[in-house]
Amino acid sequence: MKKFSLGIVVRVAIIILLCLAFAFLYLKNLFLFAFLVFVAILIAGVQLFKYVTSLNRKMKRLFEAIQYQDFAITFKADNTLGESFKDLNTDLNAVIGSFNQVRAEREASLHFINAIVQQINVGILSFDTEGKIEIHNQAAAKLLKVYRLKHINDIELVNPEAFGCITTLKSSESKLLTFLENDLSFTATDIQMRGRKIRLVAIHNIRSELQIKELEAWQNLTKVLRHEIMNSVTPIVSLSETMSDIVDYDLKTSESNEESIQDLKEALKTIQRRGKGIMNFVNAYREFTTIPLPNKSVFEVQDLFKNIEAVFAQSASEKSAKLIFDIPNNFELFVDPDQIEQVLINVVKNAMEVDFGNSSPEITVKAIIKNGLKTIEISDNGPGISKEEQEKIFIPFYTTKKTGSGIGLSLSRQILSLNDAKINYAENQPHGSVFLLQFG
């Protein structure tokens, strides 16, 4: 800093001397020399101004470098001005180096994120309010069959249906579109980034997942069908062979046919019973696959509970079961009342048929608002359902009871789905079961 101050003093002194010389020459009428001295004064003044404002110029260069992200500059030209300017140059170069490091790390992070986006199987694309595509991966281009994505309008030219879905979806909303080769699920999210509105769209091909789930469902259904049919057909075949033997041997050789005839009658009764069993099973399957569309109307849940209470009043008394109807929240439902009543009857009937052992049966039907959803809970204090069976109770024709078709819960799930609702199972505490009927 001393050298800098000395430089200012020297330059000011030179300007003063030049001014005195200019005045002397002007008074002596030496105008040519006076003019030359005046030019020298101007040059010295400019040099002084540049010398004094060198710090301002440094700061201006620094701010311009930050503004335009040009961090290739260095500060070292005036190290001769003193230690303070040398330290200042060192600090300014350190600042530039820090910005360079931050930019390098940011670019590395962006490169890493872009590599991840390109590797995932879910299609990702984002665009601004003007439709300019900012990010997209190969999965998005492949699913949309658009291999040149610069603007959102590029999608409209190839796939107008997908374009309409992407541009009209509400934030956080999802929509499924079915195409010839794929079933695509679109989910849109609007975000604010540096004062700009950006739409981020995720595109997921769910056909393969649906096919896997469908295959699993058919495999489970086939197992149940095979089990039920074999249970009925096996004794029929065996009894038919027995009847054939009776006709071929016993009736021909026996003098008294009473015993053989009685055996035939028993065999025929068994065949008839098993035949009816198969017919009932087929009827149950037909009932499961032909559910009518719901006839929706608005009604209060307390009216629904009154109907269910009337249905089970006598059976609860016969079983010495405590049936409780609790309505902390009396809400309205827009569903088919007959179908929902049938679902409740199925679930409560299942609870009534539970083996409670030595405990006193207690079944509670409660209407509450839970997690923002209108919910009907049917809970009992029975032994509950094992972990393995919990995964199978909604499979058609699967049952843990000695009697029953095994379609009650699966049928209930279908009915609720048609009414835009769902049913789930949970464990009751400390023991027992809870079935949750949730309405949107």
Protein backbone atom coordinates (compact mmCIF):
# COMPACT_ATOMS: atom_id res chain seq x y z
CA MET A 1 0.00 0.00 0.00
CA LYS A 2 3.00 2.35 0.64
CA LYS A 3 4.13 1.96 -2.97
CA PHE A 4 0.62 2.69 -4.16
CA SER A 5 0.44 5.89 -2.05
CA LEU A 6 3.90 6.95 -3.22
CA GLY A 7 2.83 6.43 -6.83
CA ILE A 8 -0.17 8.73 -6.32
CA VAL A 9 2.02 11.45 -4.69
CA VAL A 10 4.58 11.29 -7.53
CA ARG A 11 1.89 11.53 -10.21
CA VAL A 12 0.14 14.44 -8.46
CA ALA A 13 3.50 16.21 -8.11
CA ILE A 14 4.22 15.73 -11.81
CA ILE A 15 0.81 17.16 -12.74
CA ILE A 16 1.41 20.21 -10.49
CA LEU A 17 4.84 20.84 -12.04
CA LEU A 18 3.40 20.53 -15.51
CA CYS A 19 0.64 22.98 -14.61
CA LEU A 20 3.26 25.49 -13.37
CA ALA A 21 5.26 25.00 -16.57
CA PHE A 22 2.10 25.49 -18.66
CA ALA A 23 1.34 28.76 -16.83
CA PHE A 24 4.93 30.02 -17.22
CA LEU A 25 5.05 29.25 -20.94
CA TYR A 26 1.62 30.72 -21.53
CA LEU A 27 2.60 33.98 -19.82
CA LYS A 28 5.78 34.13 -21.92
CA ASN A 29 3.61 33.76 -25.04
CA LEU A 30 5.30 30.47 -25.89
CA PHE A 31 2.00 28.98 -27.03
CA LEU A 32 3.45 26.00 -28.93
CA PHE A 33 5.39 24.76 -25.91
CA ALA A 34 2.45 25.62 -23.68
CA PHE A 35 0.21 23.43 -25.84
CA LEU A 36 2.66 20.51 -25.63
CA VAL A 37 2.78 20.86 -21.86
CA PHE A 38 -1.04 20.95 -21.75
CA VAL A 39 -1.15 17.62 -23.67
CA ALA A 40 1.35 16.22 -21.18
CA ILE A 41 -0.95 17.35 -18.33
CA LEU A 42 -3.87 15.54 -19.91
CA ILE A 43 -1.82 12.34 -20.33
CA ALA A 44 -0.62 12.53 -16.72
CA GLY A 45 -4.21 13.10 -15.53
CA VAL A 46 -5.43 10.07 -17.45
CA GLN A 47 -2.59 7.96 -16.04
CA LEU A 48 -3.42 9.13 -12.52
CA PHE A 49 -7.10 8.28 -13.03
CA LYS A 50 -6.26 4.79 -14.30
CA TYR A 51 -3.79 4.30 -11.48
CA VAL A 52 -6.30 5.32 -8.81
CA THR A 53 -9.23 3.33 -10.30
CA SER A 54 -7.22 0.13 -10.87
CA LEU A 55 -8.99 -1.50 -7.89
CA ASN A 56 -12.39 -0.62 -9.34
CA ARG A 57 -11.38 -2.16 -12.64
CA LYS A 58 -10.31 -5.33 -10.88
CA MET A 59 -13.66 -5.59 -9.13
CA LYS A 60 -15.49 -4.87 -12.39
CA ARG A 61 -13.57 -7.64 -14.14
CA LEU A 62 -14.40 -9.99 -11.27
CA PHE A 63 -18.12 -9.20 -11.39
CA GLU A 64 -18.22 -9.51 -15.16
CA ALA A 65 -16.50 -12.89 -14.91
CA ILE A 66 -19.14 -14.02 -12.39
CA GLN A 67 -21.99 -12.61 -14.49
CA TYR A 68 -20.87 -14.29 -17.72
CA GLN A 69 -19.31 -17.32 -15.99
CA ASP A 70 -15.95 -16.61 -17.61
CA PHE A 71 -13.47 -17.80 -15.04
CA ALA A 72 -10.39 -17.92 -17.27
CA ILE A 73 -9.10 -14.52 -16.09
CA THR A 74 -6.23 -13.98 -13.63
CA PHE A 75 -5.11 -10.99 -11.54
CA LYS A 76 -1.36 -10.46 -11.38
CA ALA A 77 -0.42 -7.49 -13.57
CA ASP A 78 0.09 -4.97 -10.73
CA ASN A 79 2.00 -7.01 -8.14
CA THR A 80 4.64 -4.24 -8.28
CA LEU A 81 2.23 -1.84 -6.53
CA GLY A 82 2.93 -3.34 -3.13
CA GLU A 83 2.24 -6.25 -0.81
CA SER A 84 -1.42 -5.28 -0.28
CA PHE A 85 -2.11 -5.40 -4.03
CA LYS A 86 -0.20 -8.65 -4.30
CA ASP A 87 -2.39 -10.14 -1.55
CA LEU A 88 -5.50 -8.71 -3.23
CA ASN A 89 -4.54 -10.35 -6.52
CA THR A 90 -3.95 -13.63 -4.72
CA ASP A 91 -7.38 -13.46 -3.05
CA LEU A 92 -9.11 -12.54 -6.29
CA ASN A 93 -7.46 -15.47 -8.05
CA ALA A 94 -8.59 -17.72 -5.18
CA VAL A 95 -12.18 -16.51 -5.67
CA ILE A 96 -11.96 -17.28 -9.38
CA GLY A 97 -10.54 -20.70 -8.54
CA SER A 98 -13.44 -21.39 -6.15
CA PHE A 99 -15.96 -20.47 -8.84
CA ASN A 100 -14.14 -22.75 -11.28
CA GLN A 101 -14.29 -25.60 -8.76
CA VAL A 102 -18.00 -25.05 -8.06
CA ARG A 103 -18.77 -25.00 -11.78
CA ALA A 104 -16.74 -28.15 -12.36
CA GLU A 105 -18.53 -29.94 -9.50
CA ARG A 106 -21.91 -28.76 -10.77
CA GLU A 107 -21.15 -29.98 -14.28
CA ALA A 108 -19.96 -33.32 -12.89
CA SER A 109 -23.15 -33.64 -10.84
CA LEU A 110 -25.32 -32.78 -13.85
CA HIS A 111 -23.43 -35.31 -15.94
CA PHE A 112 -23.91 -37.95 -13.24
CA ILE A 113 -27.64 -37.19 -12.89
CA ASN A 114 -28.07 -37.25 -16.67
CA ALA A 115 -26.31 -40.63 -16.79
CA ILE A 116 -28.73 -41.97 -14.15
CA VAL A 117 -31.75 -40.55 -16.01
CA GLN A 118 -30.58 -42.20 -19.21
CA GLN A 119 -30.17 -45.58 -17.51
CA ILE A 120 -33.58 -45.90 -15.86
CA ASN A 121 -36.39 -47.70 -17.68
CA VAL A 122 -39.01 -45.07 -16.85
CA GLY A 123 -39.38 -42.36 -19.47
CA ILE A 124 -38.49 -38.89 -18.16
CA LEU A 125 -38.97 -35.55 -19.91
CA SER A 126 -39.33 -31.96 -18.77
CA PHE A 127 -40.30 -28.80 -20.62
CA ASP A 128 -40.91 -25.14 -19.85
CA THR A 129 -43.97 -22.97 -20.44
CA GLU A 130 -42.84 -22.32 -24.02
CA GLY A 131 -42.68 -26.05 -24.73
CA LYS A 132 -38.90 -26.28 -24.95
CA ILE A 133 -37.64 -29.73 -23.91
CA GLU A 134 -34.98 -29.41 -21.21
CA ILE A 135 -34.44 -33.03 -20.16
CA HIS A 136 -35.42 -36.30 -21.76
CA ASN A 137 -34.01 -39.80 -21.75
CA GLN A 138 -33.89 -42.58 -24.31
CA ALA A 139 -36.69 -44.45 -22.54
CA ALA A 140 -39.08 -41.53 -23.13
CA ALA A 141 -38.11 -41.27 -26.79
CA LYS A 142 -38.53 -45.02 -27.24
CA LEU A 143 -41.93 -45.21 -25.50
CA LEU A 144 -43.27 -42.18 -27.40
CA LYS A 145 -41.55 -43.28 -30.63
CA VAL A 146 -40.15 -39.77 -31.04
CA TYR A 147 -36.41 -39.76 -31.62
CA ARG A 148 -35.97 -36.03 -32.10
CA LEU A 149 -37.13 -34.17 -29.01
CA LYS A 150 -36.37 -30.47 -29.05
CA HIS A 151 -39.86 -29.09 -28.52
CA ILE A 152 -43.04 -30.56 -27.04
CA ASN A 153 -44.70 -30.13 -30.45
CA ASP A 154 -42.40 -32.85 -31.81
CA ILE A 155 -44.53 -35.34 -29.83
CA GLU A 156 -47.78 -34.02 -31.31
CA LEU A 157 -46.61 -34.78 -34.83
CA VAL A 158 -46.01 -38.47 -34.05
CA ASN A 159 -48.31 -39.23 -31.11
CA PRO A 160 -51.10 -36.64 -30.70
CA GLU A 161 -52.88 -38.68 -28.01
CA ALA A 162 -49.78 -38.75 -25.80
CA PHE A 163 -49.20 -35.04 -26.51
CA GLY A 164 -52.71 -34.19 -25.34
CA CYS A 165 -52.25 -36.24 -22.18
CA ILE A 166 -48.87 -34.66 -21.33
CA THR A 167 -50.07 -31.09 -21.85
CA THR A 168 -53.48 -31.36 -20.17
CA LEU A 169 -52.65 -33.47 -17.11
CA LYS A 170 -53.01 -31.67 -13.80
CA SER A 171 -50.02 -31.58 -11.47
CA SER A 172 -49.58 -34.84 -9.50
CA GLU A 173 -52.28 -36.49 -11.65
CA SER A 174 -51.81 -39.81 -13.47
CA LYS A 175 -53.47 -41.18 -16.57
CA LEU A 176 -53.27 -44.50 -18.41
CA LEU A 177 -53.27 -44.67 -22.21
CA THR A 178 -53.50 -47.93 -24.13
CA PHE A 179 -51.66 -48.26 -27.44
CA LEU A 180 -51.13 -51.19 -29.78
CA GLU A 181 -47.80 -52.19 -28.25
CA ASN A 182 -47.81 -50.57 -24.81
CA ASP A 183 -49.96 -49.46 -21.90
CA LEU A 184 -48.39 -46.17 -20.83
CA SER A 185 -48.96 -44.49 -17.48
CA PHE A 186 -48.32 -40.72 -17.52
CA THR A 187 -47.67 -38.75 -14.31
CA ALA A 188 -47.08 -34.98 -14.42
CA THR A 189 -45.55 -32.72 -11.77
CA ASP A 190 -45.23 -28.92 -12.05
CA ILE A 191 -42.27 -27.35 -10.26
CA GLN A 192 -40.89 -23.83 -9.91
CA MET A 193 -37.18 -23.59 -10.72
CA ARG A 194 -35.43 -20.22 -10.53
CA GLY A 195 -38.71 -18.42 -11.11
CA ARG A 196 -39.62 -20.58 -14.10
CA LYS A 197 -42.42 -23.13 -14.27
CA ILE A 198 -41.19 -26.54 -15.39
CA ARG A 199 -43.38 -29.58 -16.06
CA LEU A 200 -41.78 -32.95 -15.27
CA VAL A 201 -43.46 -35.99 -16.84
CA ALA A 202 -42.79 -39.65 -15.99
CA ILE A 203 -43.84 -42.28 -18.54
CA HIS A 204 -44.07 -45.87 -17.38
CA ASN A 205 -44.85 -48.92 -19.51
CA ILE A 206 -47.03 -51.04 -17.24
CA ARG A 207 -48.13 -53.67 -19.77
CA SER A 208 -45.39 -56.10 -18.72
CA GLU A 209 -46.28 -55.63 -15.05
CA LEU A 210 -49.97 -56.10 -15.80
CA GLN A 211 -49.17 -59.26 -17.74
CA ILE A 212 -47.18 -60.65 -14.81
CA LYS A 213 -50.00 -59.87 -12.35
CA GLU A 214 -52.56 -61.30 -14.76
CA LEU A 215 -50.52 -64.48 -15.13
CA GLU A 216 -50.24 -64.83 -11.37
CA ALA A 217 -53.99 -64.31 -10.99
CA TRP A 218 -54.75 -66.95 -13.59
CA GLN A 219 -52.30 -69.37 -12.01
CA ASN A 220 -53.93 -68.90 -8.60
CA LEU A 221 -57.40 -69.24 -10.11
CA THR A 222 -56.36 -72.37 -12.00
CA LYS A 223 -55.03 -73.96 -8.82
CA VAL A 224 -58.34 -73.33 -7.05
CA LEU A 225 -60.39 -74.58 -10.00
CA ARG A 226 -58.27 -77.70 -10.29
CA HIS A 227 -58.61 -78.37 -6.57
CA GLU A 228 -62.40 -77.93 -6.54
CA ILE A 229 -63.03 -79.93 -9.71
CA MET A 230 -60.73 -82.79 -8.67
CA ASN A 231 -62.42 -82.96 -5.27
CA SER A 232 -65.75 -83.53 -7.01
CA VAL A 233 -64.71 -85.62 -9.99
CA THR A 234 -62.44 -88.09 -8.15
CA PRO A 235 -65.20 -89.61 -5.97
CA ILE A 236 -67.57 -89.70 -8.95
CA VAL A 237 -65.07 -91.72 -10.99
CA SER A 238 -64.37 -94.03 -8.08
CA LEU A 239 -68.08 -94.58 -7.38
CA SER A 240 -68.76 -95.18 -11.06
CA GLU A 241 -66.16 -97.98 -11.07
CA THR A 242 -67.73 -99.43 -7.92
CA MET A 243 -71.20 -99.35 -9.49
CA SER A 244 -69.86 -101.03 -12.60
CA ASP A 245 -68.41 -103.83 -10.47
CA ILE A 246 -71.73 -104.24 -8.62
CA VAL A 247 -73.64 -104.51 -11.88
CA ASP A 248 -71.11 -106.88 -13.49
CA TYR A 249 -70.54 -109.21 -10.54
CA ASP A 250 -72.81 -108.79 -7.52
CA LEU A 251 -76.16 -108.53 -9.31
CA LYS A 252 -75.38 -111.43 -11.61
CA THR A 253 -74.09 -113.84 -8.95
CA SER A 254 -76.05 -112.87 -5.85
CA GLU A 255 -79.38 -114.56 -5.17
CA SER A 256 -80.52 -111.66 -2.99
CA ASN A 257 -79.98 -108.31 -4.63
CA GLU A 258 -81.15 -106.13 -1.75
CA GLU A 259 -77.66 -105.35 -0.43
CA SER A 260 -76.24 -104.68 -3.89
CA ILE A 261 -79.17 -102.48 -4.80
CA GLN A 262 -78.70 -100.51 -1.57
CA ASP A 263 -75.03 -100.00 -2.43
CA LEU A 264 -76.06 -98.74 -5.85
CA LYS A 265 -78.50 -96.27 -4.29
CA GLU A 266 -75.83 -94.92 -1.93
CA ALA A 267 -73.41 -94.56 -4.79
CA LEU A 268 -76.00 -92.75 -6.89
CA LYS A 269 -76.81 -90.39 -3.99
CA THR A 270 -73.11 -89.60 -3.59
CA ILE A 271 -72.75 -88.92 -7.32
CA GLN A 272 -75.84 -86.72 -7.20
CA ARG A 273 -74.45 -84.79 -4.23
CA ARG A 274 -71.07 -84.26 -5.82
CA GLY A 275 -72.72 -83.32 -9.11
CA LYS A 276 -74.73 -80.64 -7.31
CA GLY A 277 -71.49 -79.50 -5.69
CA ILE A 278 -69.93 -78.96 -9.10
CA MET A 279 -73.05 -77.11 -10.28
CA ASN A 280 -72.97 -74.86 -7.23
CA PHE A 281 -69.30 -74.17 -7.87
CA VAL A 282 -69.96 -73.27 -11.50
CA ASN A 283 -72.86 -71.03 -10.45
CA ALA A 284 -70.60 -69.31 -7.94
CA TYR A 285 -68.02 -68.74 -10.71
CA ARG A 286 -70.74 -67.31 -12.96
CA GLU A 287 -71.86 -65.01 -10.14
CA PHE A 288 -68.28 -63.85 -9.65
CA THR A 289 -67.84 -62.97 -13.33
CA THR A 290 -71.22 -61.30 -13.95
CA ILE A 291 -71.51 -58.49 -11.41
CA PRO A 292 -74.04 -55.83 -12.56
CA LEU A 293 -72.97 -52.22 -12.86
CA PRO A 294 -73.72 -50.20 -9.69
CA ASN A 295 -76.81 -48.00 -9.47
CA LYS A 296 -75.32 -45.22 -7.36
CA SER A 297 -77.19 -42.88 -5.05
CA VAL A 298 -76.44 -40.71 -2.00
CA PHE A 299 -77.28 -42.08 1.45
CA GLU A 300 -76.00 -41.84 5.02
CA VAL A 301 -73.89 -44.56 6.56
CA GLN A 302 -76.11 -44.73 9.65
CA ASP A 303 -79.00 -45.94 7.46
CA LEU A 304 -76.74 -48.66 6.08
CA PHE A 305 -75.78 -49.74 9.60
CA LYS A 306 -79.44 -49.99 10.64
CA ASN A 307 -80.11 -52.43 7.82
CA ILE A 308 -77.09 -54.59 8.69
CA GLU A 309 -78.00 -54.57 12.38
CA ALA A 310 -81.49 -55.84 11.54
CA VAL A 311 -80.04 -58.65 9.39
CA PHE A 312 -77.74 -60.01 12.11
CA ALA A 313 -79.73 -59.28 15.25
CA GLN A 314 -81.08 -62.84 15.61
CA SER A 315 -77.91 -64.71 14.59
CA ALA A 316 -75.82 -62.59 16.98
CA SER A 317 -78.22 -63.45 19.80
CA GLU A 318 -78.06 -67.17 18.96
CA LYS A 319 -74.25 -67.17 18.99
CA SER A 320 -74.09 -64.96 22.12
CA ALA A 321 -71.97 -62.57 20.05
CA LYS A 322 -71.66 -58.90 20.89
CA LEU A 323 -72.32 -56.93 17.69
CA ILE A 324 -71.46 -53.24 18.08
CA PHE A 325 -72.27 -50.47 15.58
CA ASP A 326 -70.24 -47.31 16.22
CA ILE A 327 -70.62 -44.09 14.19
CA PRO A 328 -68.06 -41.44 15.29
CA ASN A 329 -68.53 -39.83 11.84
CA ASN A 330 -71.87 -40.10 10.07
CA PHE A 331 -70.83 -39.41 6.48
CA GLU A 332 -72.63 -39.70 3.16
CA LEU A 333 -71.69 -42.19 0.44
CA PHE A 334 -72.34 -42.03 -3.30
CA VAL A 335 -72.42 -45.73 -4.15
CA ASP A 336 -74.87 -48.53 -4.88
CA PRO A 337 -76.49 -49.08 -1.44
CA ASP A 338 -77.60 -52.65 -2.24
CA GLN A 339 -74.13 -53.70 -3.38
CA ILE A 340 -72.37 -52.10 -0.40
CA GLU A 341 -74.90 -53.69 1.93
CA GLN A 342 -74.10 -57.08 0.37
CA VAL A 343 -70.38 -56.47 0.94
CA LEU A 344 -70.98 -55.63 4.60
CA ILE A 345 -73.16 -58.73 5.00
CA ASN A 346 -70.36 -60.88 3.51
CA VAL A 347 -67.70 -59.46 5.82
CA VAL A 348 -69.82 -59.50 8.99
CA LYS A 349 -71.04 -63.03 8.20
CA ASN A 350 -67.41 -64.17 7.88
CA ALA A 351 -66.66 -62.59 11.25
CA MET A 352 -69.67 -64.33 12.82
CA GLU A 353 -68.42 -67.70 11.55
CA VAL A 354 -64.95 -67.32 13.10
CA ASP A 355 -64.00 -69.90 15.73
CA PHE A 356 -63.56 -67.67 18.79
CA GLY A 357 -62.56 -70.55 21.05
CA ASN A 358 -63.28 -69.82 24.69
CA SER A 359 -63.44 -66.03 24.25
CA SER A 360 -66.70 -64.09 24.00
CA PRO A 361 -67.28 -63.08 20.37
CA GLU A 362 -67.21 -59.35 19.82
CA ILE A 363 -67.64 -57.74 16.39
CA THR A 364 -67.48 -53.98 15.87
CA VAL A 365 -68.65 -52.12 12.76
CA LYS A 366 -67.40 -48.53 12.86
CA ALA A 367 -67.77 -45.54 10.52
CA ILE A 368 -64.85 -43.07 10.73
CA ILE A 369 -62.84 -40.61 8.68
CA LYS A 370 -59.35 -42.10 8.51
CA ASN A 371 -56.43 -40.53 6.64
CA GLY A 372 -58.92 -38.28 4.86
CA LEU A 373 -60.94 -41.26 3.59
CA LYS A 374 -64.47 -42.30 4.52
CA THR A 375 -63.86 -45.68 6.13
CA ILE A 376 -65.97 -48.53 7.50
CA GLU A 377 -64.05 -50.83 9.84
CA ILE A 378 -65.27 -54.36 10.65
CA SER A 379 -63.15 -55.78 13.47
CA ASP A 380 -63.38 -58.88 15.64
CA ASN A 381 -61.51 -60.36 18.61
CA GLY A 382 -61.00 -63.76 17.04
CA PRO A 383 -57.70 -65.56 16.37
CA GLY A 384 -56.99 -63.50 13.24
CA ILE A 385 -55.61 -64.68 9.91
CA SER A 386 -52.08 -66.05 9.43
CA LYS A 387 -49.53 -64.18 7.32
CA GLU A 388 -49.65 -66.83 4.59
CA GLU A 389 -53.45 -66.76 4.37
CA GLN A 390 -53.58 -62.95 4.36
CA GLU A 391 -52.08 -62.98 0.86
CA LYS A 392 -54.73 -65.43 -0.42
CA ILE A 393 -58.01 -64.37 1.17
CA PHE A 394 -58.96 -62.18 -1.81
CA ILE A 395 -58.19 -64.90 -4.38
CA PRO A 396 -61.44 -66.19 -5.98
CA PHE A 397 -62.66 -69.52 -4.53
CA TYR A 398 -59.96 -69.65 -1.85
CA THR A 399 -61.45 -70.40 1.55
CA THR A 400 -60.21 -71.56 4.95
CA LYS A 401 -63.67 -72.74 6.03
CA LYS A 402 -65.01 -76.25 5.63
CA THR A 403 -68.12 -74.88 3.92
CA GLY A 404 -68.46 -71.94 1.57
CA SER A 405 -67.65 -71.07 -2.03
CA GLY A 406 -64.65 -68.86 -1.30
CA ILE A 407 -65.91 -65.98 -3.43
CA GLY A 408 -67.22 -63.70 -0.67
CA LEU A 409 -64.15 -61.50 -0.22
CA SER A 410 -63.08 -61.57 -3.86
CA LEU A 411 -66.63 -60.67 -4.88
CA SER A 412 -66.62 -57.88 -2.29
CA ARG A 413 -63.39 -56.48 -3.73
CA GLN A 414 -64.88 -56.46 -7.22
CA ILE A 415 -68.06 -54.75 -6.04
CA LEU A 416 -66.11 -52.07 -4.16
CA SER A 417 -63.87 -51.48 -7.18
CA LEU A 418 -66.98 -50.85 -9.32
CA ASN A 419 -68.08 -48.34 -6.67
CA ASP A 420 -64.68 -46.56 -6.68
CA ALA A 421 -63.77 -47.98 -3.28
CA LYS A 422 -61.44 -50.66 -1.94
CA ILE A 423 -61.16 -53.27 0.81
CA ASN A 424 -58.03 -54.15 2.77
CA TYR A 425 -57.15 -56.42 5.65
CA ALA A 426 -55.26 -55.45 8.81
CA GLU A 427 -54.44 -57.21 12.05
CA ASN A 428 -56.43 -56.21 15.11
CA GLN A 429 -54.65 -55.52 18.38
CA PRO A 430 -54.03 -57.44 20.58
CA HIS A 431 -55.57 -60.14 18.38
CA GLY A 432 -58.24 -60.55 15.73
CA SER A 433 -58.94 -59.16 12.28
CA VAL A 434 -59.92 -55.81 10.79
CA PHE A 435 -61.38 -55.30 7.31
CA LEU A 436 -61.23 -51.71 6.03
CA LEU A 437 -63.75 -50.50 3.45
CA GLN A 438 -62.36 -47.21 2.13
CA PHE A 439 -64.36 -44.77 0.00
CA GLY A 440 -62.85 -41.79 -1.82
